[in-house]
Each structure stands twice: as C-alpha cells, then as structure tokens.
Amino acid sequence: VNMGWFRQAPGKEREFVAVISRSDITAYADSVKD
C-alpha cells in the first residue's frame, strides 16, 4: 500500500503533505519539505 498524509484546515481544501510508496520512495509538499 502506498501510504500518504494529507491535511485540511478550516475553509481550505484538503492538501497533500507526504507519501511513502510501496518501494519506500518518498515525496513531500514544498511547504513541509526539510
């Protein structure tokens, strides 16, 4: 299973935060990178 984290603030769209793939490749939104 590819596993992701999303977040949603009041009045905002649900946004992507981070994902880790089946093969452990990771990716992050620019706002949380590092």
ModelCIF file with pLDDT and N, C-alpha, C, O atoms, coordinates in Angstrom:
data_MODEL
#
_entry.id   MODEL 
#
_entity.id                         1 
_entity.type                       polymer 
_entity.pdbx_number_of_molecules   1 
#
_entity_poly.entity_id                      1 
_entity_poly.type                           'polypeptide(L)' 
_entity_poly.nstd_linkage                   no 
_entity_poly.nstd_monomer                   no 
_entity_poly.pdbx_seq_one_letter_code       VNMGWFRQAPGKEREFVAVISRSDITAYADSVKD 
_entity_poly.pdbx_seq_one_letter_code_can   VNMGWFRQAPGKEREFVAVISRSDITAYADSVKD 
_entity_poly.pdbx_strand_id                 A 
#
loop_
_entity_poly_seq.entity_id 
_entity_poly_seq.num 
_entity_poly_seq.mon_id 
_entity_poly_seq.hetero 
1 1  VAL n 
1 2  ASN n 
1 3  MET n 
1 4  GLY n 
1 5  TRP n 
1 6  PHE n 
1 7  ARG n 
1 8  GLN n 
1 9  ALA n 
1 10 PRO n 
1 11 GLY n 
1 12 LYS n 
1 13 GLU n 
1 14 ARG n 
1 15 GLU n 
1 16 PHE n 
1 17 VAL n 
1 18 ALA n 
1 19 VAL n 
1 20 ILE n 
1 21 SER n 
1 22 ARG n 
1 23 SER n 
1 24 ASP n 
1 25 ILE n 
1 26 THR n 
1 27 ALA n 
1 28 TYR n 
1 29 ALA n 
1 30 ASP n 
1 31 SER n 
1 32 VAL n 
1 33 LYS n 
1 34 ASP n 
#
_struct_asym.id          A 
_struct_asym.entity_id   1 
#
loop_
_ma_qa_metric.id 
_ma_qa_metric.mode 
_ma_qa_metric.name 
_ma_qa_metric.software_group_id 
_ma_qa_metric.type 
1 global pLDDT . pLDDT 
2 local  pLDDT . pLDDT 
#
_ma_qa_metric_global.metric_id      1 
_ma_qa_metric_global.metric_value   95.85 
_ma_qa_metric_global.model_id       1 
_ma_qa_metric_global.ordinal_id     1 
#
loop_
_ma_qa_metric_local.label_asym_id 
_ma_qa_metric_local.label_comp_id 
_ma_qa_metric_local.label_seq_id 
_ma_qa_metric_local.metric_id 
_ma_qa_metric_local.metric_value 
_ma_qa_metric_local.model_id 
_ma_qa_metric_local.ordinal_id 
A VAL 1  2 92.00 1 1  
A ASN 2  2 94.00 1 2  
A MET 3  2 96.00 1 3  
A GLY 4  2 97.00 1 4  
A TRP 5  2 98.00 1 5  
A PHE 6  2 98.00 1 6  
A ARG 7  2 98.00 1 7  
A GLN 8  2 98.00 1 8  
A ALA 9  2 97.00 1 9  
A PRO 10 2 92.00 1 10 
A GLY 11 2 94.00 1 11 
A LYS 12 2 96.00 1 12 
A GLU 13 2 95.00 1 13 
A ARG 14 2 96.00 1 14 
A GLU 15 2 97.00 1 15 
A PHE 16 2 97.00 1 16 
A VAL 17 2 98.00 1 17 
A ALA 18 2 98.00 1 18 
A VAL 19 2 97.00 1 19 
A ILE 20 2 96.00 1 20 
A SER 21 2 94.00 1 21 
A ARG 22 2 91.00 1 22 
A SER 23 2 91.00 1 23 
A ASP 24 2 93.00 1 24 
A ILE 25 2 94.00 1 25 
A THR 26 2 96.00 1 26 
A ALA 27 2 96.00 1 27 
A TYR 28 2 97.00 1 28 
A ALA 29 2 97.00 1 29 
A ASP 30 2 97.00 1 30 
A SER 31 2 97.00 1 31 
A VAL 32 2 98.00 1 32 
A LYS 33 2 97.00 1 33 
A ASP 34 2 97.00 1 34 
#
loop_
_atom_site.group_PDB 
_atom_site.id 
_atom_site.type_symbol 
_atom_site.label_atom_id 
_atom_site.label_alt_id 
_atom_site.label_comp_id 
_atom_site.label_asym_id 
_atom_site.label_entity_id 
_atom_site.label_seq_id 
_atom_site.pdbx_PDB_ins_code 
_atom_site.Cartn_x 
_atom_site.Cartn_y 
_atom_site.Cartn_z 
_atom_site.occupancy 
_atom_site.B_iso_or_equiv 
_atom_site.pdbx_formal_charge 
_atom_site.auth_seq_id 
_atom_site.auth_comp_id 
_atom_site.auth_asym_id 
_atom_site.auth_atom_id 
_atom_site.pdbx_PDB_model_num 
ATOM 1   N N  . VAL A 1 1  ? 0.839   -1.194 0.000  1.00 92.00 ? 1  VAL A N  1 
ATOM 2   C CA . VAL A 1 1  ? 0.000   0.000  0.000  1.00 92.00 ? 1  VAL A CA 1 
ATOM 3   C C  . VAL A 1 1  ? 0.875   1.245  0.000  1.00 92.00 ? 1  VAL A C  1 
ATOM 4   O O  . VAL A 1 1  ? 1.792   1.369  0.813  1.00 92.00 ? 1  VAL A O  1 
ATOM 5   N N  . ASN A 1 2  ? 0.587   2.170  -0.919 1.00 94.00 ? 2  ASN A N  1 
ATOM 6   C CA . ASN A 1 2  ? 1.185   3.496  -0.844 1.00 94.00 ? 2  ASN A CA 1 
ATOM 7   C C  . ASN A 1 2  ? 0.499   4.259  0.293  1.00 94.00 ? 2  ASN A C  1 
ATOM 8   O O  . ASN A 1 2  ? -0.729  4.336  0.338  1.00 94.00 ? 2  ASN A O  1 
ATOM 9   N N  . MET A 1 3  ? 1.276   4.811  1.190  1.00 96.00 ? 3  MET A N  1 
ATOM 10  C CA . MET A 1 3  ? 0.721   5.484  2.355  1.00 96.00 ? 3  MET A CA 1 
ATOM 11  C C  . MET A 1 3  ? 1.022   6.974  2.304  1.00 96.00 ? 3  MET A C  1 
ATOM 12  O O  . MET A 1 3  ? 2.171   7.383  2.134  1.00 96.00 ? 3  MET A O  1 
ATOM 13  N N  . GLY A 1 4  ? -0.020  7.775  2.454  1.00 97.00 ? 4  GLY A N  1 
ATOM 14  C CA . GLY A 1 4  ? 0.129   9.219  2.390  1.00 97.00 ? 4  GLY A CA 1 
ATOM 15  C C  . GLY A 1 4  ? -0.428  9.917  3.612  1.00 97.00 ? 4  GLY A C  1 
ATOM 16  O O  . GLY A 1 4  ? -1.250  9.369  4.347  1.00 97.00 ? 4  GLY A O  1 
ATOM 17  N N  . TRP A 1 5  ? 0.033   11.127 3.810  1.00 98.00 ? 5  TRP A N  1 
ATOM 18  C CA . TRP A 1 5  ? -0.528  12.034 4.807  1.00 98.00 ? 5  TRP A CA 1 
ATOM 19  C C  . TRP A 1 5  ? -1.068  13.262 4.085  1.00 98.00 ? 5  TRP A C  1 
ATOM 20  O O  . TRP A 1 5  ? -0.397  13.842 3.232  1.00 98.00 ? 5  TRP A O  1 
ATOM 21  N N  . PHE A 1 6  ? -2.277  13.643 4.437  1.00 98.00 ? 6  PHE A N  1 
ATOM 22  C CA . PHE A 1 6  ? -2.914  14.856 3.953  1.00 98.00 ? 6  PHE A CA 1 
ATOM 23  C C  . PHE A 1 6  ? -3.352  15.686 5.151  1.00 98.00 ? 6  PHE A C  1 
ATOM 24  O O  . PHE A 1 6  ? -3.422  15.185 6.273  1.00 98.00 ? 6  PHE A O  1 
ATOM 25  N N  . ARG A 1 7  ? -3.642  16.944 4.908  1.00 98.00 ? 7  ARG A N  1 
ATOM 26  C CA . ARG A 1 7  ? -4.148  17.792 5.984  1.00 98.00 ? 7  ARG A CA 1 
ATOM 27  C C  . ARG A 1 7  ? -5.199  18.747 5.446  1.00 98.00 ? 7  ARG A C  1 
ATOM 28  O O  . ARG A 1 7  ? -5.218  19.079 4.261  1.00 98.00 ? 7  ARG A O  1 
ATOM 29  N N  . GLN A 1 8  ? -6.069  19.178 6.343  1.00 98.00 ? 8  GLN A N  1 
ATOM 30  C CA . GLN A 1 8  ? -7.129  20.101 5.964  1.00 98.00 ? 8  GLN A CA 1 
ATOM 31  C C  . GLN A 1 8  ? -7.375  21.092 7.092  1.00 98.00 ? 8  GLN A C  1 
ATOM 32  O O  . GLN A 1 8  ? -7.699  20.704 8.214  1.00 98.00 ? 8  GLN A O  1 
ATOM 33  N N  . ALA A 1 9  ? -7.218  22.361 6.786  1.00 97.00 ? 9  ALA A N  1 
ATOM 34  C CA . ALA A 1 9  ? -7.504  23.439 7.714  1.00 97.00 ? 9  ALA A CA 1 
ATOM 35  C C  . ALA A 1 9  ? -8.906  23.971 7.442  1.00 97.00 ? 9  ALA A C  1 
ATOM 36  O O  . ALA A 1 9  ? -9.415  23.803 6.334  1.00 97.00 ? 9  ALA A O  1 
ATOM 37  N N  . PRO A 1 10 ? -9.545  24.609 8.426  1.00 92.00 ? 10 PRO A N  1 
ATOM 38  C CA . PRO A 1 10 ? -10.886 25.142 8.213  1.00 92.00 ? 10 PRO A CA 1 
ATOM 39  C C  . PRO A 1 10 ? -10.944 26.086 7.014  1.00 92.00 ? 10 PRO A C  1 
ATOM 40  O O  . PRO A 1 10 ? -10.123 26.995 6.889  1.00 92.00 ? 10 PRO A O  1 
ATOM 41  N N  . GLY A 1 11 ? -11.914 25.864 6.138  1.00 94.00 ? 11 GLY A N  1 
ATOM 42  C CA . GLY A 1 11 ? -12.085 26.701 4.970  1.00 94.00 ? 11 GLY A CA 1 
ATOM 43  C C  . GLY A 1 11 ? -11.101 26.444 3.854  1.00 94.00 ? 11 GLY A C  1 
ATOM 44  O O  . GLY A 1 11 ? -11.101 27.163 2.855  1.00 94.00 ? 11 GLY A O  1 
ATOM 45  N N  . LYS A 1 12 ? -10.262 25.433 4.000  1.00 96.00 ? 12 LYS A N  1 
ATOM 46  C CA . LYS A 1 12 ? -9.254  25.128 2.999  1.00 96.00 ? 12 LYS A CA 1 
ATOM 47  C C  . LYS A 1 12 ? -9.519  23.767 2.360  1.00 96.00 ? 12 LYS A C  1 
ATOM 48  O O  . LYS A 1 12 ? -10.204 22.915 2.928  1.00 96.00 ? 12 LYS A O  1 
ATOM 49  N N  . GLU A 1 13 ? -8.964  23.587 1.176  1.00 95.00 ? 13 GLU A N  1 
ATOM 50  C CA . GLU A 1 13 ? -9.018  22.288 0.525  1.00 95.00 ? 13 GLU A CA 1 
ATOM 51  C C  . GLU A 1 13 ? -8.080  21.322 1.225  1.00 95.00 ? 13 GLU A C  1 
ATOM 52  O O  . GLU A 1 13 ? -7.073  21.726 1.807  1.00 95.00 ? 13 GLU A O  1 
ATOM 53  N N  . ARG A 1 14 ? -8.414  20.062 1.163  1.00 96.00 ? 14 ARG A N  1 
ATOM 54  C CA . ARG A 1 14 ? -7.508  19.048 1.678  1.00 96.00 ? 14 ARG A CA 1 
ATOM 55  C C  . ARG A 1 14 ? -6.249  19.037 0.809  1.00 96.00 ? 14 ARG A C  1 
ATOM 56  O O  . ARG A 1 14 ? -6.336  18.978 -0.418 1.00 96.00 ? 14 ARG A O  1 
ATOM 57  N N  . GLU A 1 15 ? -5.094  19.093 1.443  1.00 97.00 ? 15 GLU A N  1 
ATOM 58  C CA . GLU A 1 15 ? -3.860  19.195 0.695  1.00 97.00 ? 15 GLU A CA 1 
ATOM 59  C C  . GLU A 1 15 ? -2.900  18.057 1.021  1.00 97.00 ? 15 GLU A C  1 
ATOM 60  O O  . GLU A 1 15 ? -2.876  17.526 2.131  1.00 97.00 ? 15 GLU A O  1 
ATOM 61  N N  . PHE A 1 16 ? -2.128  17.713 0.028  1.00 97.00 ? 16 PHE A N  1 
ATOM 62  C CA . PHE A 1 16 ? -1.111  16.686 0.154  1.00 97.00 ? 16 PHE A CA 1 
ATOM 63  C C  . PHE A 1 16 ? 0.015   17.158 1.054  1.00 97.00 ? 16 PHE A C  1 
ATOM 64  O O  . PHE A 1 16 ? 0.436   18.313 0.985  1.00 97.00 ? 16 PHE A O  1 
ATOM 65  N N  . VAL A 1 17 ? 0.500   16.259 1.901  1.00 98.00 ? 17 VAL A N  1 
ATOM 66  C CA . VAL A 1 17 ? 1.619   16.554 2.783  1.00 98.00 ? 17 VAL A CA 1 
ATOM 67  C C  . VAL A 1 17 ? 2.833   15.700 2.435  1.00 98.00 ? 17 VAL A C  1 
ATOM 68  O O  . VAL A 1 17 ? 3.918   16.226 2.187  1.00 98.00 ? 17 VAL A O  1 
ATOM 69  N N  . ALA A 1 18 ? 2.648   14.389 2.417  1.00 98.00 ? 18 ALA A N  1 
ATOM 70  C CA . ALA A 1 18 ? 3.767   13.479 2.179  1.00 98.00 ? 18 ALA A CA 1 
ATOM 71  C C  . ALA A 1 18 ? 3.245   12.123 1.762  1.00 98.00 ? 18 ALA A C  1 
ATOM 72  O O  . ALA A 1 18 ? 2.094   11.784 2.037  1.00 98.00 ? 18 ALA A O  1 
ATOM 73  N N  . VAL A 1 19 ? 4.084   11.342 1.099  1.00 97.00 ? 19 VAL A N  1 
ATOM 74  C CA . VAL A 1 19 ? 3.738   9.987  0.706  1.00 97.00 ? 19 VAL A CA 1 
ATOM 75  C C  . VAL A 1 19 ? 4.975   9.113  0.773  1.00 97.00 ? 19 VAL A C  1 
ATOM 76  O O  . VAL A 1 19 ? 6.088   9.569  0.513  1.00 97.00 ? 19 VAL A O  1 
ATOM 77  N N  . ILE A 1 20 ? 4.772   7.865  1.121  1.00 96.00 ? 20 ILE A N  1 
ATOM 78  C CA . ILE A 1 20 ? 5.815   6.856  1.020  1.00 96.00 ? 20 ILE A CA 1 
ATOM 79  C C  . ILE A 1 20 ? 5.242   5.701  0.222  1.00 96.00 ? 20 ILE A C  1 
ATOM 80  O O  . ILE A 1 20 ? 4.198   5.151  0.572  1.00 96.00 ? 20 ILE A O  1 
ATOM 81  N N  . SER A 1 21 ? 5.923   5.339  -0.845 1.00 94.00 ? 21 SER A N  1 
ATOM 82  C CA . SER A 1 21 ? 5.414   4.345  -1.771 1.00 94.00 ? 21 SER A CA 1 
ATOM 83  C C  . SER A 1 21 ? 5.686   2.934  -1.286 1.00 94.00 ? 21 SER A C  1 
ATOM 84  O O  . SER A 1 21 ? 6.340   2.719  -0.266 1.00 94.00 ? 21 SER A O  1 
ATOM 85  N N  . ARG A 1 22 ? 5.162   1.969  -2.051 1.00 91.00 ? 22 ARG A N  1 
ATOM 86  C CA . ARG A 1 22 ? 5.399   0.549  -1.747 1.00 91.00 ? 22 ARG A CA 1 
ATOM 87  C C  . ARG A 1 22 ? 6.887   0.235  -1.698 1.00 91.00 ? 22 ARG A C  1 
ATOM 88  O O  . ARG A 1 22 ? 7.330   -0.621 -0.933 1.00 91.00 ? 22 ARG A O  1 
ATOM 89  N N  . SER A 1 23 ? 7.650   0.939  -2.525 1.00 91.00 ? 23 SER A N  1 
ATOM 90  C CA . SER A 1 23 ? 9.082   0.712  -2.604 1.00 91.00 ? 23 SER A CA 1 
ATOM 91  C C  . SER A 1 23 ? 9.886   1.723  -1.785 1.00 91.00 ? 23 SER A C  1 
ATOM 92  O O  . SER A 1 23 ? 11.094  1.860  -1.978 1.00 91.00 ? 23 SER A O  1 
ATOM 93  N N  . ASP A 1 24 ? 9.213   2.433  -0.869 1.00 93.00 ? 24 ASP A N  1 
ATOM 94  C CA . ASP A 1 24 ? 9.841   3.368  0.067  1.00 93.00 ? 24 ASP A CA 1 
ATOM 95  C C  . ASP A 1 24 ? 10.398  4.618  -0.602 1.00 93.00 ? 24 ASP A C  1 
ATOM 96  O O  . ASP A 1 24 ? 11.306  5.255  -0.069 1.00 93.00 ? 24 ASP A O  1 
ATOM 97  N N  . ILE A 1 25 ? 9.864   4.969  -1.762 1.00 94.00 ? 25 ILE A N  1 
ATOM 98  C CA . ILE A 1 25 ? 10.144  6.274  -2.336 1.00 94.00 ? 25 ILE A CA 1 
ATOM 99  C C  . ILE A 1 25 ? 9.283   7.302  -1.612 1.00 94.00 ? 25 ILE A C  1 
ATOM 100 O O  . ILE A 1 25 ? 8.094   7.069  -1.395 1.00 94.00 ? 25 ILE A O  1 
ATOM 101 N N  . THR A 1 26 ? 9.860   8.418  -1.243 1.00 96.00 ? 26 THR A N  1 
ATOM 102 C CA . THR A 1 26 ? 9.137   9.451  -0.500 1.00 96.00 ? 26 THR A CA 1 
ATOM 103 C C  . THR A 1 26 ? 9.046   10.737 -1.301 1.00 96.00 ? 26 THR A C  1 
ATOM 104 O O  . THR A 1 26 ? 9.901   11.032 -2.136 1.00 96.00 ? 26 THR A O  1 
ATOM 105 N N  . ALA A 1 27 ? 7.990   11.500 -1.028 1.00 96.00 ? 27 ALA A N  1 
ATOM 106 C CA . ALA A 1 27 ? 7.811   12.808 -1.637 1.00 96.00 ? 27 ALA A CA 1 
ATOM 107 C C  . ALA A 1 27 ? 7.072   13.701 -0.656 1.00 96.00 ? 27 ALA A C  1 
ATOM 108 O O  . ALA A 1 27 ? 6.281   13.223 0.157  1.00 96.00 ? 27 ALA A O  1 
ATOM 109 N N  . TYR A 1 28 ? 7.332   15.000 -0.735 1.00 97.00 ? 28 TYR A N  1 
ATOM 110 C CA . TYR A 1 28 ? 6.778   15.958 0.205  1.00 97.00 ? 28 TYR A CA 1 
ATOM 111 C C  . TYR A 1 28 ? 6.256   17.185 -0.513 1.00 97.00 ? 28 TYR A C  1 
ATOM 112 O O  . TYR A 1 28 ? 6.756   17.562 -1.572 1.00 97.00 ? 28 TYR A O  1 
ATOM 113 N N  . ALA A 1 29 ? 5.244   17.801 0.076  1.00 97.00 ? 29 ALA A N  1 
ATOM 114 C CA . ALA A 1 29 ? 4.829   19.111 -0.376 1.00 97.00 ? 29 ALA A CA 1 
ATOM 115 C C  . ALA A 1 29 ? 5.940   20.116 -0.088 1.00 97.00 ? 29 ALA A C  1 
ATOM 116 O O  . ALA A 1 29 ? 6.672   19.983 0.893  1.00 97.00 ? 29 ALA A O  1 
ATOM 117 N N  . ASP A 1 30 ? 6.060   21.120 -0.950 1.00 97.00 ? 30 ASP A N  1 
ATOM 118 C CA . ASP A 1 30 ? 7.105   22.117 -0.758 1.00 97.00 ? 30 ASP A CA 1 
ATOM 119 C C  . ASP A 1 30 ? 6.998   22.803 0.601  1.00 97.00 ? 30 ASP A C  1 
ATOM 120 O O  . ASP A 1 30 ? 8.012   23.188 1.184  1.00 97.00 ? 30 ASP A O  1 
ATOM 121 N N  . SER A 1 31 ? 5.786   22.957 1.105  1.00 97.00 ? 31 SER A N  1 
ATOM 122 C CA . SER A 1 31 ? 5.572   23.674 2.351  1.00 97.00 ? 31 SER A CA 1 
ATOM 123 C C  . SER A 1 31 ? 6.118   22.949 3.574  1.00 97.00 ? 31 SER A C  1 
ATOM 124 O O  . SER A 1 31 ? 6.326   23.573 4.615  1.00 97.00 ? 31 SER A O  1 
ATOM 125 N N  . VAL A 1 32 ? 6.356   21.635 3.468  1.00 98.00 ? 32 VAL A N  1 
ATOM 126 C CA . VAL A 1 32 ? 6.834   20.866 4.610  1.00 98.00 ? 32 VAL A CA 1 
ATOM 127 C C  . VAL A 1 32 ? 8.182   20.222 4.363  1.00 98.00 ? 32 VAL A C  1 
ATOM 128 O O  . VAL A 1 32 ? 8.753   19.612 5.267  1.00 98.00 ? 32 VAL A O  1 
ATOM 129 N N  . LYS A 1 33 ? 8.692   20.347 3.162  1.00 97.00 ? 33 LYS A N  1 
ATOM 130 C CA . LYS A 1 33 ? 9.972   19.734 2.820  1.00 97.00 ? 33 LYS A CA 1 
ATOM 131 C C  . LYS A 1 33 ? 11.065  20.227 3.766  1.00 97.00 ? 33 LYS A C  1 
ATOM 132 O O  . LYS A 1 33 ? 11.151  21.418 4.068  1.00 97.00 ? 33 LYS A O  1 
ATOM 133 N N  . ASP A 1 34 ? 11.884  19.310 4.221  1.00 97.00 ? 34 ASP A N  1 
ATOM 134 C CA . ASP A 1 34 ? 13.001  19.564 5.132  1.00 97.00 ? 34 ASP A CA 1 
ATOM 135 C C  . ASP A 1 34 ? 12.563  19.757 6.578  1.00 97.00 ? 34 ASP A C  1 
ATOM 136 O O  . ASP A 1 34 ? 13.401  19.978 7.452  1.00 97.00 ? 34 ASP A O  1 
#
